[in-house]
């Protein structure tokens, strides 16, 4: 009987856990739809900024600009590399956080001085244990990506880059490859690469002279204003996409946990029925044996 009671206790515990995992799955599913919608809404603005920069570079190729400064004279081992690392504030999301931290560790093994800008408490806890330079922690943005928070990150790294406290800036986050596939991704934010914009398709056939005139007071000054917005847009898009990927990972993990719980309940129910049948059989045997004795 004690074995049956233990099985019943385990069944009750698993049923309670399954209710929680199923509820978390439903919550994550709802959040994922909202995150995907937000991501779609950011794309037109980001694409317009990107095409505008490409347009300026195409017709003003000789413009020297601080955000395209590669600092080629700086040796690789002395370059200061800033990494914006986006993880979650909590676990229960499968390998989501682990994969981002693993990619960051691989990049940080390359020559150069590493300076970290952390988004998410999981990453912050992990990197605090390592002997690395953590500049700033933006812990509040992992669960609630915002334009204001993205601007704070962008202004921090842009200022450091302009003051040459950083020579390169990267962001490491999780990208939604498709609706059913996510992967950790690394993007270089600074310095900007002209080749990236040169590969964009031309949007219009406006005369070159008219193109230059529309950037007032000058293409260089327009770049001074638009590039920071472009970097902010990149960071905001990465934060939103990372949150969508995190939500998908958590939804998948909770679905897997719920399915595993169902399988365990089936096995435990079968064991309980066997124990119950054995107990009934033993009682019948004992009664029959007692009757024969009388």
Foldseek 3Di string as FASTA:
>chain_A
DVVLVVLVVVLVVLVVVLVVLVVLLVVLVVVLVVLVVVLVVLVVVLVVLLLLLLLLCVLPVPDDALLQDLPVVDDQQAAEEEEEQADAQDDLQPCFRVQSLVVVVVVVVGHYAYEYEYEYPVNVVVCVVPPHHYDYYPDVCLQPQDLVSLLVVLVVVVVCSSVRVHNWYKYWAWAPPDPQDIHIDIDTLGSDDSVVSNPDDNDDDDDSVVSQVVPPPGSRVSCVPSSSVSSSSVSSSRSSRRSSSSSSSSSVSSVVSSVVSVVVSVVSVVVSVVVVVVVVVVVVVVVVVVVVVD
